[in-house]
Amino acid sequence: MKKQMALTLILLLLLAIAMTGCGSKGTPAPTATIEPPTATPSAAASPGPMMPVGGVDVAWKLVVKPEQPVVARVNGVEISTEAYLKQLQQQLYYVTDLYKVDWNDEQTQAALPEFQDQILQQMVQFELVQQLAKAEGIAIPDAEFEAELISAMNQILRTGTYKTWDEYLSVTGTDPLTFESQVRASLLAQKLLTAHGGPAEVEQVHAAHILVGTEETGNEVLAKLKAGGSFADLAKEYSTDSNSKDNGGDLGWFPQGMMVSEFDAAAFALQPGETSGLVETSYGYHIIRVLERGVRSVRAELLPYYNQLNFQRWFEAELAKANVETLVTFAEPSP
């Protein structure tokens, strides 16, 4: 079986932290991370001369280059084809160098149109972030920008991938002005996140759950609970959630929106002391018991995710209201 390698396009405009763990759902923000092509390294069937690795020059020959001067408009502000191709080329250089991508690989080539669409959508959202920040009077003081710029440069160099800053610019096809604009956009996004990340104190529930793999097992656990069995003991015996079972299924306090939708709705429909029936999610079947509920501060370890969730909702609403004209599409619509 061939080992697949995901190509992750990492922009400096980091608007989200993906959530992991049982019962939580990812909350990717508009322009945080995308996963373009999936490259599959080829395994040689028999000894022979190795094919040359396809670099950006190979990919660039396959890229669709729009003939019109403008590829999109955001509230009347144009995104030029020239700017788009420049950004596309930079990101191709970046992922090719970072992940040692072979653009001769047919599977990787097939994903190029989607990659191009994603770059364009990121540029649309990049532009909207700047417009929203301007509308709210958000500006970046020169001293703060300079400090962040130096920090970003040092962070890249500390990875050891590039010996000098000039080498990074050359290998990734980045020009200093483009890098500076990305750093500035990242700062604007952080300030918008602070402004729209939601209140620190909200209604929450303190809940526990028992997660099982089948409906039959779930009904067995429910019957034992009905007969007076201990929720905590049954969680330790039956639950497949290794993160909470040894603690009697206790998930701690969490605000609405932090769990997968089915779990979230069921938990917040319960009052303290009440237990749900079987709640099916992509993880399996849950039995949920609410221990407490009330208005309180969001736990420190959950606060970044909670802020991201609120910011995402706000940004998506703003994006829906914006007048976005996408004038070119590269990938075929999904059936």
Foldseek 3Di string as FASTA:
>chain_A
DWDKDWQKQAFLQALADFDDAPFFGGQGFQQGIDTFFIATDDDDPDDDDDDDFAALVLLVVLDDQDPDQFFKAWQRRTDGSVNLVLQLQLSSLVRCLVVVHRCVGPRRSQRNLVVSVSSVSNVNLLVVLVVVLVVVVHDDDPVNLVVQLVVVQVVVVVVVSDVDSVRVCVRSVHDPVVSSSSSRSNVSSVVLLVVQLDDQKDKKFWKFKAFAAAPVVLVVVVVCVVVPDDQLVVLLVGGPRPVCNPVSRTPGIDHAPGGPPQVRVVQVVDAAPDWDRWGQDPRHTMIMHTHHIDIDGHDPVCSSNSSSNRSRVVSVVVVVVIDMGRRDRRDDDDD
